[in-house]
């Protein structure tokens, strides 16, 4: 299976020696559960895209320090590309920024949350289980790093997982689009380093809560399996 990584940002330069860049994180996530994947990265910030949609079996986004409502031409083009993927019923998985842009591209809305930063490990309830969500689990604890949130869903979009902090945490649209607000590709060490470099931007109480939450177990391997299952179902 060939996965196209739509790279929407880079890991901060000072953190790359220890943690690499986002495509390597996504490849490492998939490697937790399968060796049957190839990856090709597209620098969408530089308007790099596949020559045809069928160049890859499925597409996945990285996160981004930018917001989906920012006035950047590359974000507008990526939103158009997501609509092209939808029209072609091509498998797409949105992570964080991609989760929000998928919603916006399909007619929903995103805004800065009045609940503040989501950082560290967040706890979410699975409220709708799909056939590809195997093995089944009732909760989903994944690392987060975001301020914006989805505030209105497009028609016919389903909520798969949610929490009081993030009501639209994991979503599905049709059989070909799925997204998650969290970052299953992040390690706890990377999350801790990212919180530290953003310490002046985030309220100190939230920093303490985020750092304490990193003691919890995370469901990164489970989410990796669910993503692989979802992409494999779209390929078949």
C-alpha atoms as a PDB file:
ATOM      1  CA  UNK A   1       0.000   0.000   0.000  1.00  0.00           C
ATOM      2  CA  UNK A   2       1.379   3.405  -0.986  1.00  0.00           C
ATOM      3  CA  UNK A   3       0.590   6.305   1.342  1.00  0.00           C
ATOM      4  CA  UNK A   4       0.927   9.908   0.192  1.00  0.00           C
ATOM      5  CA  UNK A   5       1.950  12.196   3.060  1.00  0.00           C
ATOM      6  CA  UNK A   6       0.640  15.724   2.569  1.00  0.00           C
ATOM      7  CA  UNK A   7       3.238  17.627   4.586  1.00  0.00           C
ATOM      8  CA  UNK A   8       1.767  20.838   5.984  1.00  0.00           C
ATOM      9  CA  UNK A   9       4.692  21.952   8.152  1.00  0.00           C
ATOM     10  CA  UNK A  10       8.062  20.905   9.571  1.00  0.00           C
ATOM     11  CA  UNK A  11       9.128  19.983  13.072  1.00  0.00           C
ATOM     12  CA  UNK A  12      10.823  22.991  14.660  1.00  0.00           C
ATOM     13  CA  UNK A  13      14.443  23.097  13.573  1.00  0.00           C
ATOM     14  CA  UNK A  14      15.836  22.827  17.101  1.00  0.00           C
ATOM     15  CA  UNK A  15      13.829  19.645  17.718  1.00  0.00           C
ATOM     16  CA  UNK A  16      14.640  17.834  14.470  1.00  0.00           C
ATOM     17  CA  UNK A  17      17.995  16.346  15.602  1.00  0.00           C
ATOM     18  CA  UNK A  18      16.200  14.448  18.365  1.00  0.00           C
ATOM     19  CA  UNK A  19      12.852  13.717  16.730  1.00  0.00           C
ATOM     20  CA  UNK A  20      13.173  14.011  12.933  1.00  0.00           C
ATOM     21  CA  UNK A  21      10.470  15.532  10.738  1.00  0.00           C
ATOM     22  CA  UNK A  22       6.775  14.744  10.401  1.00  0.00           C
ATOM     23  CA  UNK A  23       6.946  12.217   7.511  1.00  0.00           C
ATOM     24  CA  UNK A  24       9.372  10.080   9.547  1.00  0.00           C
ATOM     25  CA  UNK A  25       6.980  10.227  12.513  1.00  0.00           C
ATOM     26  CA  UNK A  26       4.094   9.027  10.349  1.00  0.00           C
ATOM     27  CA  UNK A  27       6.190   6.242   8.831  1.00  0.00           C
ATOM     28  CA  UNK A  28       7.210   5.175  12.356  1.00  0.00           C
ATOM     29  CA  UNK A  29       3.554   5.153  13.410  1.00  0.00           C
ATOM     30  CA  UNK A  30       2.613   2.804  10.560  1.00  0.00           C
ATOM     31  CA  UNK A  31       5.664   0.642  11.280  1.00  0.00           C
ATOM     32  CA  UNK A  32       4.231  -0.178  14.718  1.00  0.00           C
ATOM     33  CA  UNK A  33       1.641  -2.401  13.024  1.00  0.00           C
ATOM     34  CA  UNK A  34       2.736  -3.147   9.430  1.00  0.00           C
ATOM     35  CA  UNK A  35       5.730  -3.337   7.119  1.00  0.00           C
ATOM     36  CA  UNK A  36       3.522  -3.409   4.028  1.00  0.00           C
ATOM     37  CA  UNK A  37       3.541   0.343   3.337  1.00  0.00           C
ATOM     38  CA  UNK A  38       5.485   2.706   1.133  1.00  0.00           C
ATOM     39  CA  UNK A  39       5.436   6.467   1.599  1.00  0.00           C
ATOM     40  CA  UNK A  40       5.824   9.496  -0.628  1.00  0.00           C
ATOM     41  CA  UNK A  41       5.841  12.997   0.827  1.00  0.00           C
ATOM     42  CA  UNK A  42       4.366  16.017  -0.931  1.00  0.00           C
ATOM     43  CA  UNK A  43       5.420  19.486   0.237  1.00  0.00           C
ATOM     44  CA  UNK A  44       2.012  21.096  -0.055  1.00  0.00           C
ATOM     45  CA  UNK A  45       3.301  24.368   1.409  1.00  0.00           C
ATOM     46  CA  UNK A  46       5.348  24.566  -1.807  1.00  0.00           C
ATOM     47  CA  UNK A  47       2.346  23.452  -3.917  1.00  0.00           C
ATOM     48  CA  UNK A  48       3.792  19.990  -4.552  1.00  0.00           C
ATOM     49  CA  UNK A  49       1.058  17.442  -5.337  1.00  0.00           C
ATOM     50  CA  UNK A  50       0.759  14.034  -7.021  1.00  0.00           C
ATOM     51  CA  UNK A  51       0.460  14.101 -10.799  1.00  0.00           C
ATOM     52  CA  UNK A  52      -2.691  11.985 -10.505  1.00  0.00           C
ATOM     53  CA  UNK A  53      -4.848  11.037  -7.513  1.00  0.00           C
ATOM     54  CA  UNK A  54      -4.084   7.374  -8.194  1.00  0.00           C
ATOM     55  CA  UNK A  55      -0.375   7.934  -7.610  1.00  0.00           C
ATOM     56  CA  UNK A  56      -1.037   6.758  -4.034  1.00  0.00           C
ATOM     57  CA  UNK A  57      -3.588   4.379  -2.523  1.00  0.00           C
ATOM     58  CA  UNK A  58      -4.402   6.775   0.315  1.00  0.00           C
ATOM     59  CA  UNK A  59      -3.377  10.200   1.596  1.00  0.00           C
ATOM     60  CA  UNK A  60      -2.659  11.443   5.115  1.00  0.00           C
ATOM     61  CA  UNK A  61      -1.824  14.907   6.414  1.00  0.00           C
ATOM     62  CA  UNK A  62       0.678  16.039   8.968  1.00  0.00           C
ATOM     63  CA  UNK A  63      -0.226  18.659  11.524  1.00  0.00           C
ATOM     64  CA  UNK A  64       0.752  22.306  11.151  1.00  0.00           C
ATOM     65  CA  UNK A  65       1.514  25.332  13.302  1.00  0.00           C
ATOM     66  CA  UNK A  66      -0.814  27.247  10.964  1.00  0.00           C
ATOM     67  CA  UNK A  67      -4.581  27.439  11.307  1.00  0.00           C
ATOM     68  CA  UNK A  68      -7.010  26.361   8.601  1.00  0.00           C
ATOM     69  CA  UNK A  69      -8.513  29.875   8.569  1.00  0.00           C
ATOM     70  CA  UNK A  70      -5.155  31.549   7.932  1.00  0.00           C
ATOM     71  CA  UNK A  71      -5.016  33.469   4.675  1.00  0.00           C
ATOM     72  CA  UNK A  72      -2.348  31.447   2.864  1.00  0.00           C
ATOM     73  CA  UNK A  73      -2.601  30.360  -0.766  1.00  0.00           C
ATOM     74  CA  UNK A  74      -1.185  26.906   0.010  1.00  0.00           C
ATOM     75  CA  UNK A  75      -3.990  26.253   2.517  1.00  0.00           C
ATOM     76  CA  UNK A  76      -6.611  27.270  -0.048  1.00  0.00           C
ATOM     77  CA  UNK A  77      -5.022  24.880  -2.582  1.00  0.00           C
ATOM     78  CA  UNK A  78      -4.911  22.021  -0.071  1.00  0.00           C
ATOM     79  CA  UNK A  79      -8.574  22.587   0.748  1.00  0.00           C
ATOM     80  CA  UNK A  80      -9.345  22.317  -2.979  1.00  0.00           C
ATOM     81  CA  UNK A  81      -7.283  19.119  -3.180  1.00  0.00           C
ATOM     82  CA  UNK A  82      -9.253  17.590  -0.310  1.00  0.00           C
ATOM     83  CA  UNK A  83     -12.457  18.294  -2.228  1.00  0.00           C
ATOM     84  CA  UNK A  84     -10.899  16.625  -5.281  1.00  0.00           C
ATOM     85  CA  UNK A  85     -10.110  13.559  -3.172  1.00  0.00           C
ATOM     86  CA  UNK A  86     -13.688  13.514  -1.919  1.00  0.00           C
ATOM     87  CA  UNK A  87     -15.146  13.772  -5.406  1.00  0.00           C
ATOM     88  CA  UNK A  88     -12.966  10.835  -6.505  1.00  0.00           C
ATOM     89  CA  UNK A  89     -13.847   8.882  -3.312  1.00  0.00           C
ATOM     90  CA  UNK A  90     -10.124   8.590  -2.596  1.00  0.00           C
ATOM     91  CA  UNK A  91      -9.078   7.461   0.887  1.00  0.00           C
ATOM     92  CA  UNK A  92      -7.932  10.327   3.099  1.00  0.00           C
ATOM     93  CA  UNK A  93      -6.910  10.538   6.763  1.00  0.00           C
ATOM     94  CA  UNK A  94      -6.655  13.960   8.375  1.00  0.00           C
ATOM     95  CA  UNK A  95      -4.487  14.510  11.458  1.00  0.00           C
ATOM     96  CA  UNK A  96      -5.049  17.649  13.580  1.00  0.00           C
ATOM     97  CA  UNK A  97      -4.698  20.442  10.989  1.00  0.00           C
ATOM     98  CA  UNK A  98      -5.887  17.971   8.328  1.00  0.00           C
ATOM     99  CA  UNK A  99      -8.826  16.944  10.532  1.00  0.00           C
ATOM    100  CA  UNK A 100      -9.928  20.562  10.702  1.00  0.00           C
ATOM    101  CA  UNK A 101      -9.285  21.301   7.030  1.00  0.00           C
ATOM    102  CA  UNK A 102     -11.268  18.223   5.980  1.00  0.00           C
ATOM    103  CA  UNK A 103     -14.244  19.595   7.905  1.00  0.00           C
ATOM    104  CA  UNK A 104     -13.835  23.091   6.437  1.00  0.00           C
ATOM    105  CA  UNK A 105     -13.426  21.750   2.891  1.00  0.00           C
ATOM    106  CA  UNK A 106     -16.708  19.865   3.176  1.00  0.00           C
ATOM    107  CA  UNK A 107     -18.729  22.791   4.502  1.00  0.00           C
ATOM    108  CA  UNK A 108     -18.172  22.725   8.271  1.00  0.00           C
ATOM    109  CA  UNK A 109     -16.484  25.336  10.438  1.00  0.00           C
ATOM    110  CA  UNK A 110     -13.385  25.638  12.640  1.00  0.00           C
ATOM    111  CA  UNK A 111     -12.442  28.327  15.163  1.00  0.00           C
ATOM    112  CA  UNK A 112     -10.145  28.973  18.101  1.00  0.00           C
ATOM    113  CA  UNK A 113     -11.590  27.140  21.090  1.00  0.00           C
ATOM    114  CA  UNK A 114     -12.625  29.050  24.203  1.00  0.00           C
ATOM    115  CA  UNK A 115     -11.439  25.982  26.133  1.00  0.00           C
ATOM    116  CA  UNK A 116      -7.847  26.872  25.394  1.00  0.00           C
ATOM    117  CA  UNK A 117      -4.921  24.700  24.407  1.00  0.00           C
ATOM    118  CA  UNK A 118      -5.251  20.951  24.070  1.00  0.00           C
ATOM    119  CA  UNK A 119      -1.831  19.534  25.003  1.00  0.00           C
ATOM    120  CA  UNK A 120      -0.464  16.320  26.436  1.00  0.00           C
ATOM    121  CA  UNK A 121      -2.548  13.153  26.561  1.00  0.00           C
ATOM    122  CA  UNK A 122      -6.290  13.654  26.078  1.00  0.00           C
ATOM    123  CA  UNK A 123      -8.961  11.119  27.042  1.00  0.00           C
ATOM    124  CA  UNK A 124     -11.771  10.443  24.588  1.00  0.00           C
ATOM    125  CA  UNK A 125     -14.795   8.162  24.431  1.00  0.00           C
ATOM    126  CA  UNK A 126     -15.519   6.043  21.369  1.00  0.00           C
ATOM    127  CA  UNK A 127     -19.197   6.675  20.652  1.00  0.00           C
ATOM    128  CA  UNK A 128     -19.535   4.933  17.280  1.00  0.00           C
ATOM    129  CA  UNK A 129     -17.556   1.815  16.392  1.00  0.00           C
ATOM    130  CA  UNK A 130     -16.919   0.956  12.743  1.00  0.00           C
ATOM    131  CA  UNK A 131     -15.883  -2.383  11.244  1.00  0.00           C
ATOM    132  CA  UNK A 132     -12.326  -1.118  10.614  1.00  0.00           C
ATOM    133  CA  UNK A 133     -11.922  -0.127  14.283  1.00  0.00           C
ATOM    134  CA  UNK A 134     -10.398  -3.464  15.254  1.00  0.00           C
ATOM    135  CA  UNK A 135      -9.469  -4.357  17.892  1.00  0.00           C
ATOM    136  CA  UNK A 136     -12.385  -2.553  19.493  1.00  0.00           C
ATOM    137  CA  UNK A 137     -11.861  -0.230  22.427  1.00  0.00           C
ATOM    138  CA  UNK A 138     -14.231   2.093  24.269  1.00  0.00           C
ATOM    139  CA  UNK A 139     -11.687   4.825  25.009  1.00  0.00           C
ATOM    140  CA  UNK A 140      -8.988   6.529  22.944  1.00  0.00           C
ATOM    141  CA  UNK A 141      -6.111   8.304  24.677  1.00  0.00           C
ATOM    142  CA  UNK A 142      -3.907  10.189  22.206  1.00  0.00           C
ATOM    143  CA  UNK A 143      -1.447  13.082  22.417  1.00  0.00           C
ATOM    144  CA  UNK A 144      -2.844  16.470  21.388  1.00  0.00           C
ATOM    145  CA  UNK A 145      -1.409  19.845  20.425  1.00  0.00           C
ATOM    146  CA  UNK A 146      -3.963  22.400  19.207  1.00  0.00           C
ATOM    147  CA  UNK A 147      -5.871  25.591  19.929  1.00  0.00           C
ATOM    148  CA  UNK A 148      -8.455  25.516  17.117  1.00  0.00           C
ATOM    149  CA  UNK A 149     -11.323  23.048  17.111  1.00  0.00           C
ATOM    150  CA  UNK A 150     -14.145  21.979  14.826  1.00  0.00           C
ATOM    151  CA  UNK A 151     -17.272  23.906  15.848  1.00  0.00           C
ATOM    152  CA  UNK A 152     -19.732  22.799  13.146  1.00  0.00           C
ATOM    153  CA  UNK A 153     -19.885  19.561  11.176  1.00  0.00           C
ATOM    154  CA  UNK A 154     -20.724  19.161   7.504  1.00  0.00           C
ATOM    155  CA  UNK A 155     -23.888  17.249   6.703  1.00  0.00           C
ATOM    156  CA  UNK A 156     -23.621  13.450   6.955  1.00  0.00           C
ATOM    157  CA  UNK A 157     -20.337  13.527   8.881  1.00  0.00           C
ATOM    158  CA  UNK A 158     -20.256  11.051  11.773  1.00  0.00           C
ATOM    159  CA  UNK A 159     -18.645  11.512  15.191  1.00  0.00           C
ATOM    160  CA  UNK A 160     -16.670   8.406  16.166  1.00  0.00           C
ATOM    161  CA  UNK A 161     -14.991   9.675  19.336  1.00  0.00           C
ATOM    162  CA  UNK A 162     -15.406  12.731  21.545  1.00  0.00           C
ATOM    163  CA  UNK A 163     -14.766  14.297  24.931  1.00  0.00           C
ATOM    164  CA  UNK A 164     -16.102  17.240  26.910  1.00  0.00           C
ATOM    165  CA  UNK A 165     -13.023  19.203  25.841  1.00  0.00           C
ATOM    166  CA  UNK A 166     -13.276  18.181  22.174  1.00  0.00           C
ATOM    167  CA  UNK A 167     -16.799  17.163  21.050  1.00  0.00           C
ATOM    168  CA  UNK A 168     -15.710  16.400  17.465  1.00  0.00           C
ATOM    169  CA  UNK A 169     -12.510  14.487  18.174  1.00  0.00           C
ATOM    170  CA  UNK A 170     -12.636  11.694  15.593  1.00  0.00           C
ATOM    171  CA  UNK A 171     -14.798  11.821  12.478  1.00  0.00           C
ATOM    172  CA  UNK A 172     -15.774   9.838   9.399  1.00  0.00           C
ATOM    173  CA  UNK A 173     -17.329  11.001   6.140  1.00  0.00           C
ATOM    174  CA  UNK A 174     -18.580   8.317   3.786  1.00  0.00           C
ATOM    175  CA  UNK A 175     -16.339   5.283   3.494  1.00  0.00           C
ATOM    176  CA  UNK A 176     -13.285   7.219   2.328  1.00  0.00           C
ATOM    177  CA  UNK A 177     -12.606  10.137   4.710  1.00  0.00           C
ATOM    178  CA  UNK A 178     -11.564   9.808   8.358  1.00  0.00           C
ATOM    179  CA  UNK A 179      -9.861  12.250  10.702  1.00  0.00           C
ATOM    180  CA  UNK A 180      -8.633  12.736  14.253  1.00  0.00           C
ATOM    181  CA  UNK A 181      -7.877  15.882  16.227  1.00  0.00           C
ATOM    182  CA  UNK A 182      -5.018  14.208  18.106  1.00  0.00           C
ATOM    183  CA  UNK A 183      -1.516  13.261  17.021  1.00  0.00           C
ATOM    184  CA  UNK A 184      -1.043   9.468  17.109  1.00  0.00           C
ATOM    185  CA  UNK A 185       2.347   9.981  15.422  1.00  0.00           C
ATOM    186  CA  UNK A 186       3.702  12.031  18.364  1.00  0.00           C
ATOM    187  CA  UNK A 187       5.731  10.336  21.081  1.00  0.00           C
ATOM    188  CA  UNK A 188       5.461  11.442  24.698  1.00  0.00           C
ATOM    189  CA  UNK A 189       9.057  12.687  24.591  1.00  0.00           C
ATOM    190  CA  UNK A 190       8.286  14.857  21.563  1.00  0.00           C
ATOM    191  CA  UNK A 191       5.123  16.177  23.199  1.00  0.00           C
ATOM    192  CA  UNK A 192       7.115  17.123  26.308  1.00  0.00           C
ATOM    193  CA  UNK A 193       9.729  18.922  24.191  1.00  0.00           C
ATOM    194  CA  UNK A 194       7.046  20.763  22.208  1.00  0.00           C
ATOM    195  CA  UNK A 195       5.262  21.861  25.377  1.00  0.00           C
ATOM    196  CA  UNK A 196       8.571  23.142  26.716  1.00  0.00           C
ATOM    197  CA  UNK A 197       9.370  25.313  23.669  1.00  0.00           C
ATOM    198  CA  UNK A 198       5.833  26.720  23.734  1.00  0.00           C
ATOM    199  CA  UNK A 199       5.877  27.325  27.488  1.00  0.00           C
ATOM    200  CA  UNK A 200       5.574  31.121  27.109  1.00  0.00           C
ATOM    201  CA  UNK A 201       2.551  30.775  24.801  1.00  0.00           C
ATOM    202  CA  UNK A 202       0.497  28.429  26.981  1.00  0.00           C
ATOM    203  CA  UNK A 203      -0.963  29.268  30.427  1.00  0.00           C
ATOM    204  CA  UNK A 204       1.189  27.791  33.189  1.00  0.00           C
ATOM    205  CA  UNK A 205      -1.715  25.798  34.664  1.00  0.00           C
ATOM    206  CA  UNK A 206      -2.330  24.110  31.322  1.00  0.00           C
ATOM    207  CA  UNK A 207       1.398  23.428  30.936  1.00  0.00           C
ATOM    208  CA  UNK A 208       1.445  21.658  34.315  1.00  0.00           C
ATOM    209  CA  UNK A 209      -1.647  19.643  33.395  1.00  0.00           C
ATOM    210  CA  UNK A 210      -0.220  18.714  29.996  1.00  0.00           C
ATOM    211  CA  UNK A 211       3.114  17.616  31.422  1.00  0.00           C
ATOM    212  CA  UNK A 212       1.421  15.552  34.147  1.00  0.00           C
ATOM    213  CA  UNK A 213      -0.827  13.852  31.587  1.00  0.00           C
ATOM    214  CA  UNK A 214       2.221  12.434  29.775  1.00  0.00           C
ATOM    215  CA  UNK A 215       2.555   9.846  32.551  1.00  0.00           C
ATOM    216  CA  UNK A 216      -0.524   8.096  31.120  1.00  0.00           C
ATOM    217  CA  UNK A 217      -0.444   5.295  28.588  1.00  0.00           C
ATOM    218  CA  UNK A 218      -1.335   6.250  25.024  1.00  0.00           C
ATOM    219  CA  UNK A 219      -3.210   4.368  22.319  1.00  0.00           C
ATOM    220  CA  UNK A 220      -0.817   5.207  19.486  1.00  0.00           C
ATOM    221  CA  UNK A 221      -0.442   1.576  18.389  1.00  0.00           C
ATOM    222  CA  UNK A 222      -4.207   1.033  18.417  1.00  0.00           C
ATOM    223  CA  UNK A 223      -4.795   4.184  16.364  1.00  0.00           C
ATOM    224  CA  UNK A 224      -2.060   3.108  13.946  1.00  0.00           C
ATOM    225  CA  UNK A 225      -3.891  -0.179  13.426  1.00  0.00           C
ATOM    226  CA  UNK A 226      -7.198   1.603  12.893  1.00  0.00           C
ATOM    227  CA  UNK A 227      -5.635   3.914  10.299  1.00  0.00           C
ATOM    228  CA  UNK A 228      -4.051   0.991   8.463  1.00  0.00           C
ATOM    229  CA  UNK A 229      -7.364  -0.886   8.556  1.00  0.00           C
ATOM    230  CA  UNK A 230      -9.221   2.152   7.214  1.00  0.00           C
ATOM    231  CA  UNK A 231      -6.737   2.696   4.389  1.00  0.00           C
ATOM    232  CA  UNK A 232      -6.706  -1.015   3.519  1.00  0.00           C
ATOM    233  CA  UNK A 233     -10.514  -1.089   3.345  1.00  0.00           C
ATOM    234  CA  UNK A 234     -10.429   1.826   0.919  1.00  0.00           C
ATOM    235  CA  UNK A 235      -7.847   0.074  -1.230  1.00  0.00           C
ATOM    236  CA  UNK A 236      -9.828  -3.170  -1.517  1.00  0.00           C
END
